[in-house]
Amino acid sequence: MARLNVNPTRMELKKLKARLQTAVRGHKLLKDKSDEMIRRFTLILREDKALRDEVEEELAQTLRQFAVARSVTPAYNAETAFSMPSVALKAECGTESVMGVDVPKVTLFEERRTDALPYAFSEITSEADYSVERVSALLPRLLKLAETEKAVRLLADEIERNKRRVNALEYVMIPQLEETIKYIRDKLDENERAAIVRLMKVKSKA
């Protein structure tokens, strides 16, 4: 490990000891933060996987329901019915902090029509009713899935950055400081021994 290019003085030694102490403390804090972030990341990842499985299963069933509705409904009536929204939605987008990482937080507000569905029951089959209701119920979970997946990506990036900082301290900065401190100590000891030898020589000539 290459040492720092500094003058071997006691003042420099004192500064380097303070830097080493700060680096060791910073390494411990970053390591603890990294461990906690990985724990939180694992929990969110499990939640994301469970939610994705639920949403994919529900979406597949909803699409099958739509396929059935289209097969037993005249094309014009189906297109007209499915193109009209049954729910007015408003989303408020914000963020929340997870271990210092800002992840998205979406709050969904629904405003349902007073007549429940946007078409006359006589124009469409019951399969279409079920399809529209299932899609309306699925939307909040789709948004929640988008939230968790974005949070997973952001946390993964932050964990990787934090890991690089921990490695830089552990394998570069701390060993470099330790090596430099050892060099300065050795140099100071050598200078002290040389001074003692010179002093003894002077005394012996006196």
C-alpha atoms as a PDB file:
ATOM      1  CA  MET A   1       0.000   0.000   0.000  1.00  0.00           C
ATOM      2  CA  ALA A   2       1.515   3.345  -1.080  1.00  0.00           C
ATOM      3  CA  ARG A   3       1.865   5.796   1.762  1.00  0.00           C
ATOM      4  CA  LEU A   4       0.933   9.473   1.633  1.00  0.00           C
ATOM      5  CA  ASN A   5       3.593  11.949   0.580  1.00  0.00           C
ATOM      6  CA  VAL A   6       3.947  14.007   3.777  1.00  0.00           C
ATOM      7  CA  ASN A   7       6.723  15.445   5.890  1.00  0.00           C
ATOM      8  CA  PRO A   8       7.630  13.118   8.793  1.00  0.00           C
ATOM      9  CA  THR A   9       6.952  15.568  11.600  1.00  0.00           C
ATOM     10  CA  ARG A  10       5.166  15.216  14.918  1.00  0.00           C
ATOM     11  CA  MET A  11       2.534  17.736  13.818  1.00  0.00           C
ATOM     12  CA  GLU A  12       1.835  15.689  10.685  1.00  0.00           C
ATOM     13  CA  LEU A  13       1.684  12.542  12.811  1.00  0.00           C
ATOM     14  CA  LYS A  14      -0.942  14.128  15.054  1.00  0.00           C
ATOM     15  CA  LYS A  15      -3.038  15.177  12.039  1.00  0.00           C
ATOM     16  CA  LEU A  16      -2.850  11.725  10.492  1.00  0.00           C
ATOM     17  CA  LYS A  17      -3.872  10.041  13.749  1.00  0.00           C
ATOM     18  CA  ALA A  18      -6.954  12.289  13.878  1.00  0.00           C
ATOM     19  CA  ARG A  19      -7.752  11.477  10.238  1.00  0.00           C
ATOM     20  CA  LEU A  20      -7.353   7.764  10.923  1.00  0.00           C
ATOM     21  CA  GLN A  21      -9.667   7.946  13.925  1.00  0.00           C
ATOM     22  CA  THR A  22     -12.281   9.780  11.838  1.00  0.00           C
ATOM     23  CA  ALA A  23     -11.914   7.291   8.971  1.00  0.00           C
ATOM     24  CA  VAL A  24     -12.348   4.286  11.279  1.00  0.00           C
ATOM     25  CA  ARG A  25     -15.430   5.831  12.887  1.00  0.00           C
ATOM     26  CA  GLY A  26     -16.842   6.753   9.464  1.00  0.00           C
ATOM     27  CA  HIS A  27     -16.204   3.233   8.199  1.00  0.00           C
ATOM     28  CA  LYS A  28     -18.132   1.745  11.119  1.00  0.00           C
ATOM     29  CA  LEU A  29     -21.071   4.117  10.620  1.00  0.00           C
ATOM     30  CA  LEU A  30     -21.203   3.455   6.878  1.00  0.00           C
ATOM     31  CA  LYS A  31     -20.949  -0.313   7.453  1.00  0.00           C
ATOM     32  CA  ASP A  32     -23.817  -0.200   9.969  1.00  0.00           C
ATOM     33  CA  LYS A  33     -25.865   1.923   7.565  1.00  0.00           C
ATOM     34  CA  SER A  34     -25.119  -0.492   4.731  1.00  0.00           C
ATOM     35  CA  ASP A  35     -26.229  -3.490   6.819  1.00  0.00           C
ATOM     36  CA  GLU A  36     -29.487  -1.760   7.799  1.00  0.00           C
ATOM     37  CA  MET A  37     -30.140  -0.672   4.204  1.00  0.00           C
ATOM     38  CA  ILE A  38     -29.665  -4.240   3.003  1.00  0.00           C
ATOM     39  CA  ARG A  39     -32.122  -5.433   5.663  1.00  0.00           C
ATOM     40  CA  ARG A  40     -34.728  -2.843   4.614  1.00  0.00           C
ATOM     41  CA  PHE A  41     -34.022  -3.575   0.944  1.00  0.00           C
ATOM     42  CA  THR A  42     -34.678  -7.278   1.525  1.00  0.00           C
ATOM     43  CA  LEU A  43     -38.021  -6.547   3.214  1.00  0.00           C
ATOM     44  CA  ILE A  44     -39.140  -4.218   0.411  1.00  0.00           C
ATOM     45  CA  LEU A  45     -37.962  -6.724  -2.203  1.00  0.00           C
ATOM     46  CA  ARG A  46     -40.061  -9.467  -0.615  1.00  0.00           C
ATOM     47  CA  GLU A  47     -43.055  -7.136  -0.509  1.00  0.00           C
ATOM     48  CA  ASP A  48     -42.459  -6.254  -4.151  1.00  0.00           C
ATOM     49  CA  LYS A  49     -42.288  -9.894  -5.229  1.00  0.00           C
ATOM     50  CA  ALA A  50     -45.461 -10.829  -3.344  1.00  0.00           C
ATOM     51  CA  LEU A  51     -47.303  -7.809  -4.748  1.00  0.00           C
ATOM     52  CA  ARG A  52     -46.084  -8.496  -8.280  1.00  0.00           C
ATOM     53  CA  ASP A  53     -47.286 -12.106  -8.092  1.00  0.00           C
ATOM     54  CA  GLU A  54     -50.708 -10.922  -6.882  1.00  0.00           C
ATOM     55  CA  VAL A  55     -50.997  -8.215  -9.522  1.00  0.00           C
ATOM     56  CA  GLU A  56     -49.886 -10.488 -12.364  1.00  0.00           C
ATOM     57  CA  GLU A  57     -52.386 -13.160 -11.318  1.00  0.00           C
ATOM     58  CA  GLU A  58     -55.200 -10.630 -10.953  1.00  0.00           C
ATOM     59  CA  LEU A  59     -54.281  -8.962 -14.250  1.00  0.00           C
ATOM     60  CA  ALA A  60     -54.326 -12.286 -16.073  1.00  0.00           C
ATOM     61  CA  GLN A  61     -57.779 -13.073 -14.674  1.00  0.00           C
ATOM     62  CA  THR A  62     -59.015  -9.572 -15.560  1.00  0.00           C
ATOM     63  CA  LEU A  63     -57.789  -9.898 -19.137  1.00  0.00           C
ATOM     64  CA  ARG A  64     -59.500 -13.268 -19.414  1.00  0.00           C
ATOM     65  CA  GLN A  65     -62.661 -11.632 -18.105  1.00  0.00           C
ATOM     66  CA  PHE A  66     -62.353  -8.885 -20.730  1.00  0.00           C
ATOM     67  CA  ALA A  67     -61.816 -11.494 -23.446  1.00  0.00           C
ATOM     68  CA  VAL A  68     -65.020 -13.260 -22.392  1.00  0.00           C
ATOM     69  CA  ALA A  69     -66.892  -9.937 -22.290  1.00  0.00           C
ATOM     70  CA  ARG A  70     -65.699  -9.026 -25.793  1.00  0.00           C
ATOM     71  CA  SER A  71     -66.675 -12.425 -27.151  1.00  0.00           C
ATOM     72  CA  VAL A  72     -70.308 -12.157 -25.989  1.00  0.00           C
ATOM     73  CA  THR A  73     -70.786  -8.423 -26.618  1.00  0.00           C
ATOM     74  CA  PRO A  74     -71.222  -6.644 -29.965  1.00  0.00           C
ATOM     75  CA  ALA A  75     -67.955  -4.938 -30.911  1.00  0.00           C
ATOM     76  CA  TYR A  76     -69.409  -1.420 -31.070  1.00  0.00           C
ATOM     77  CA  ASN A  77     -71.086  -1.699 -27.667  1.00  0.00           C
ATOM     78  CA  ALA A  78     -67.926  -3.148 -26.108  1.00  0.00           C
ATOM     79  CA  GLU A  79     -65.662  -0.401 -27.499  1.00  0.00           C
ATOM     80  CA  THR A  80     -68.071   2.322 -26.351  1.00  0.00           C
ATOM     81  CA  ALA A  81     -68.500   0.868 -22.869  1.00  0.00           C
ATOM     82  CA  PHE A  82     -64.813   0.181 -22.237  1.00  0.00           C
ATOM     83  CA  SER A  83     -63.711   3.613 -23.491  1.00  0.00           C
ATOM     84  CA  MET A  84     -65.741   5.475 -20.838  1.00  0.00           C
ATOM     85  CA  PRO A  85     -64.134   5.774 -17.391  1.00  0.00           C
ATOM     86  CA  SER A  86     -66.070   4.485 -14.431  1.00  0.00           C
ATOM     87  CA  VAL A  87     -63.828   6.205 -11.876  1.00  0.00           C
ATOM     88  CA  ALA A  88     -62.178   9.631 -11.808  1.00  0.00           C
ATOM     89  CA  LEU A  89     -58.694   9.342 -10.329  1.00  0.00           C
ATOM     90  CA  LYS A  90     -56.343  11.890  -8.835  1.00  0.00           C
ATOM     91  CA  ALA A  91     -52.827  10.990  -7.780  1.00  0.00           C
ATOM     92  CA  GLU A  92     -50.652  13.035  -5.450  1.00  0.00           C
ATOM     93  CA  CYS A  93     -46.972  12.249  -5.898  1.00  0.00           C
ATOM     94  CA  GLY A  94     -44.475  12.800  -3.120  1.00  0.00           C
ATOM     95  CA  THR A  95     -41.516  11.129  -1.492  1.00  0.00           C
ATOM     96  CA  GLU A  96     -40.651   9.442   1.775  1.00  0.00           C
ATOM     97  CA  SER A  97     -37.252   8.736   3.248  1.00  0.00           C
ATOM     98  CA  VAL A  98     -35.971   5.183   3.637  1.00  0.00           C
ATOM     99  CA  MET A  99     -32.526   5.250   5.301  1.00  0.00           C
ATOM    100  CA  GLY A 100     -31.849   8.671   3.791  1.00  0.00           C
ATOM    101  CA  VAL A 101     -33.000   7.658   0.307  1.00  0.00           C
ATOM    102  CA  ASP A 102     -36.012   9.521  -1.092  1.00  0.00           C
ATOM    103  CA  VAL A 103     -38.400   6.962  -2.586  1.00  0.00           C
ATOM    104  CA  PRO A 104     -41.678   7.800  -4.330  1.00  0.00           C
ATOM    105  CA  LYS A 105     -44.957   7.887  -2.434  1.00  0.00           C
ATOM    106  CA  VAL A 106     -48.177   8.081  -4.453  1.00  0.00           C
ATOM    107  CA  THR A 107     -51.528   8.775  -2.823  1.00  0.00           C
ATOM    108  CA  LEU A 108     -54.521   7.873  -4.959  1.00  0.00           C
ATOM    109  CA  PHE A 109     -57.925   9.551  -4.648  1.00  0.00           C
ATOM    110  CA  GLU A 110     -60.941   7.988  -6.334  1.00  0.00           C
ATOM    111  CA  GLU A 111     -64.176   9.659  -7.302  1.00  0.00           C
ATOM    112  CA  ARG A 112     -66.719   7.109  -8.449  1.00  0.00           C
ATOM    113  CA  ARG A 113     -69.621   7.930 -10.694  1.00  0.00           C
ATOM    114  CA  THR A 114     -73.009   8.223  -9.021  1.00  0.00           C
ATOM    115  CA  ASP A 115     -74.476   5.781 -11.508  1.00  0.00           C
ATOM    116  CA  ALA A 116     -71.769   3.204 -10.683  1.00  0.00           C
ATOM    117  CA  LEU A 117     -70.990   2.194 -14.287  1.00  0.00           C
ATOM    118  CA  PRO A 118     -70.757   4.431 -17.394  1.00  0.00           C
ATOM    119  CA  TYR A 119     -73.178   2.465 -19.548  1.00  0.00           C
ATOM    120  CA  ALA A 120     -76.668   1.080 -19.452  1.00  0.00           C
ATOM    121  CA  PHE A 121     -76.995  -2.460 -18.148  1.00  0.00           C
ATOM    122  CA  SER A 122     -79.198  -3.329 -21.125  1.00  0.00           C
ATOM    123  CA  GLU A 123     -76.394  -2.535 -23.575  1.00  0.00           C
ATOM    124  CA  ILE A 124     -73.709  -4.738 -22.134  1.00  0.00           C
ATOM    125  CA  THR A 125     -73.313  -8.150 -20.531  1.00  0.00           C
ATOM    126  CA  SER A 126     -72.549  -8.935 -16.908  1.00  0.00           C
ATOM    127  CA  GLU A 127     -69.069 -10.123 -17.910  1.00  0.00           C
ATOM    128  CA  ALA A 128     -68.237  -6.517 -18.824  1.00  0.00           C
ATOM    129  CA  ASP A 129     -69.452  -5.348 -15.404  1.00  0.00           C
ATOM    130  CA  TYR A 130     -67.100  -7.758 -13.681  1.00  0.00           C
ATOM    131  CA  SER A 131     -64.212  -6.706 -15.945  1.00  0.00           C
ATOM    132  CA  VAL A 132     -64.664  -2.996 -15.232  1.00  0.00           C
ATOM    133  CA  GLU A 133     -64.953  -3.582 -11.491  1.00  0.00           C
ATOM    134  CA  ARG A 134     -61.837  -5.766 -11.437  1.00  0.00           C
ATOM    135  CA  VAL A 135     -59.775  -3.192 -13.316  1.00  0.00           C
ATOM    136  CA  SER A 136     -60.929  -0.446 -10.940  1.00  0.00           C
ATOM    137  CA  ALA A 137     -59.906  -2.557  -7.931  1.00  0.00           C
ATOM    138  CA  LEU A 138     -56.566  -3.446  -9.539  1.00  0.00           C
ATOM    139  CA  LEU A 139     -55.355   0.094 -10.235  1.00  0.00           C
ATOM    140  CA  PRO A 140     -54.324   1.030  -6.651  1.00  0.00           C
ATOM    141  CA  ARG A 141     -52.241  -2.131  -6.423  1.00  0.00           C
ATOM    142  CA  LEU A 142     -50.591  -1.360  -9.771  1.00  0.00           C
ATOM    143  CA  LEU A 143     -49.546   2.025  -8.392  1.00  0.00           C
ATOM    144  CA  LYS A 144     -48.295   0.412  -5.180  1.00  0.00           C
ATOM    145  CA  LEU A 145     -46.280  -2.042  -7.272  1.00  0.00           C
ATOM    146  CA  ALA A 146     -44.747   0.857  -9.216  1.00  0.00           C
ATOM    147  CA  GLU A 147     -43.828   2.514  -5.901  1.00  0.00           C
ATOM    148  CA  THR A 148     -42.114  -0.549  -4.481  1.00  0.00           C
ATOM    149  CA  GLU A 149     -40.238  -1.368  -7.685  1.00  0.00           C
ATOM    150  CA  LYS A 150     -38.885   2.177  -7.925  1.00  0.00           C
ATOM    151  CA  ALA A 151     -37.921   2.037  -4.239  1.00  0.00           C
ATOM    152  CA  VAL A 152     -36.082  -1.250  -4.852  1.00  0.00           C
ATOM    153  CA  ARG A 153     -34.083   0.275  -7.716  1.00  0.00           C
ATOM    154  CA  LEU A 154     -33.209   3.442  -5.760  1.00  0.00           C
ATOM    155  CA  LEU A 155     -32.159   1.464  -2.670  1.00  0.00           C
ATOM    156  CA  ALA A 156     -30.083  -0.934  -4.776  1.00  0.00           C
ATOM    157  CA  ASP A 157     -28.212   2.020  -6.321  1.00  0.00           C
ATOM    158  CA  GLU A 158     -27.625   3.610  -2.914  1.00  0.00           C
ATOM    159  CA  ILE A 159     -26.434   0.301  -1.417  1.00  0.00           C
ATOM    160  CA  GLU A 160     -23.936  -0.019  -4.268  1.00  0.00           C
ATOM    161  CA  ARG A 161     -22.662   3.539  -3.751  1.00  0.00           C
ATOM    162  CA  ASN A 162     -22.392   2.979   0.005  1.00  0.00           C
ATOM    163  CA  LYS A 163     -20.524  -0.276  -0.572  1.00  0.00           C
ATOM    164  CA  ARG A 164     -17.965   1.545  -2.728  1.00  0.00           C
ATOM    165  CA  ARG A 165     -17.453   4.122   0.044  1.00  0.00           C
ATOM    166  CA  VAL A 166     -16.994   1.375   2.660  1.00  0.00           C
ATOM    167  CA  ASN A 167     -14.492  -0.455   0.446  1.00  0.00           C
ATOM    168  CA  ALA A 168     -12.581   2.753  -0.280  1.00  0.00           C
ATOM    169  CA  LEU A 169     -12.199   3.396   3.436  1.00  0.00           C
ATOM    170  CA  GLU A 170     -11.454  -0.213   4.364  1.00  0.00           C
ATOM    171  CA  TYR A 171      -9.010  -1.121   1.590  1.00  0.00           C
ATOM    172  CA  VAL A 172      -7.504   2.223   0.540  1.00  0.00           C
ATOM    173  CA  MET A 173      -7.735   5.133   2.965  1.00  0.00           C
ATOM    174  CA  ILE A 174      -7.354   3.357   6.334  1.00  0.00           C
ATOM    175  CA  PRO A 175      -4.400   1.142   5.244  1.00  0.00           C
ATOM    176  CA  GLN A 176      -2.787   4.172   3.580  1.00  0.00           C
ATOM    177  CA  LEU A 177      -3.085   6.245   6.752  1.00  0.00           C
ATOM    178  CA  GLU A 178      -1.792   3.378   8.896  1.00  0.00           C
ATOM    179  CA  GLU A 179       1.183   2.893   6.583  1.00  0.00           C
ATOM    180  CA  THR A 180       1.986   6.607   6.618  1.00  0.00           C
ATOM    181  CA  ILE A 181       1.694   6.807  10.417  1.00  0.00           C
ATOM    182  CA  LYS A 182       4.059   3.833  10.741  1.00  0.00           C
ATOM    183  CA  TYR A 183       6.527   5.501   8.354  1.00  0.00           C
ATOM    184  CA  ILE A 184       6.477   8.783  10.317  1.00  0.00           C
ATOM    185  CA  ARG A 185       6.901   6.973  13.648  1.00  0.00           C
ATOM    186  CA  ASP A 186       9.838   4.988  12.280  1.00  0.00           C
ATOM    187  CA  LYS A 187      11.360   8.150  10.845  1.00  0.00           C
ATOM    188  CA  LEU A 188      10.942  10.069  14.117  1.00  0.00           C
ATOM    189  CA  ASP A 189      12.429   7.167  16.099  1.00  0.00           C
ATOM    190  CA  GLU A 190      15.342   7.046  13.682  1.00  0.00           C
ATOM    191  CA  ASN A 191      15.903  10.799  14.017  1.00  0.00           C
ATOM    192  CA  GLU A 192      15.734  10.505  17.797  1.00  0.00           C
ATOM    193  CA  ARG A 193      18.297   7.692  17.841  1.00  0.00           C
ATOM    194  CA  ALA A 194      20.574   9.689  15.537  1.00  0.00           C
ATOM    195  CA  ALA A 195      20.271  12.725  17.847  1.00  0.00           C
ATOM    196  CA  ILE A 196      21.176  10.590  20.882  1.00  0.00           C
ATOM    197  CA  VAL A 197      24.191   9.144  19.074  1.00  0.00           C
ATOM    198  CA  ARG A 198      25.386  12.637  18.113  1.00  0.00           C
ATOM    199  CA  LEU A 199      24.901  13.821  21.697  1.00  0.00           C
ATOM    200  CA  MET A 200      26.913  10.876  23.058  1.00  0.00           C
ATOM    201  CA  LYS A 201      29.719  11.578  20.595  1.00  0.00           C
ATOM    202  CA  VAL A 202      29.812  15.225  21.627  1.00  0.00           C
ATOM    203  CA  LYS A 203      29.946  14.251  25.303  1.00  0.00           C
ATOM    204  CA  SER A 204      32.722  11.743  24.676  1.00  0.00           C
ATOM    205  CA  LYS A 205      34.863  14.423  22.991  1.00  0.00           C
ATOM    206  CA  ALA A 206      34.273  16.930  25.745  1.00  0.00           C
END
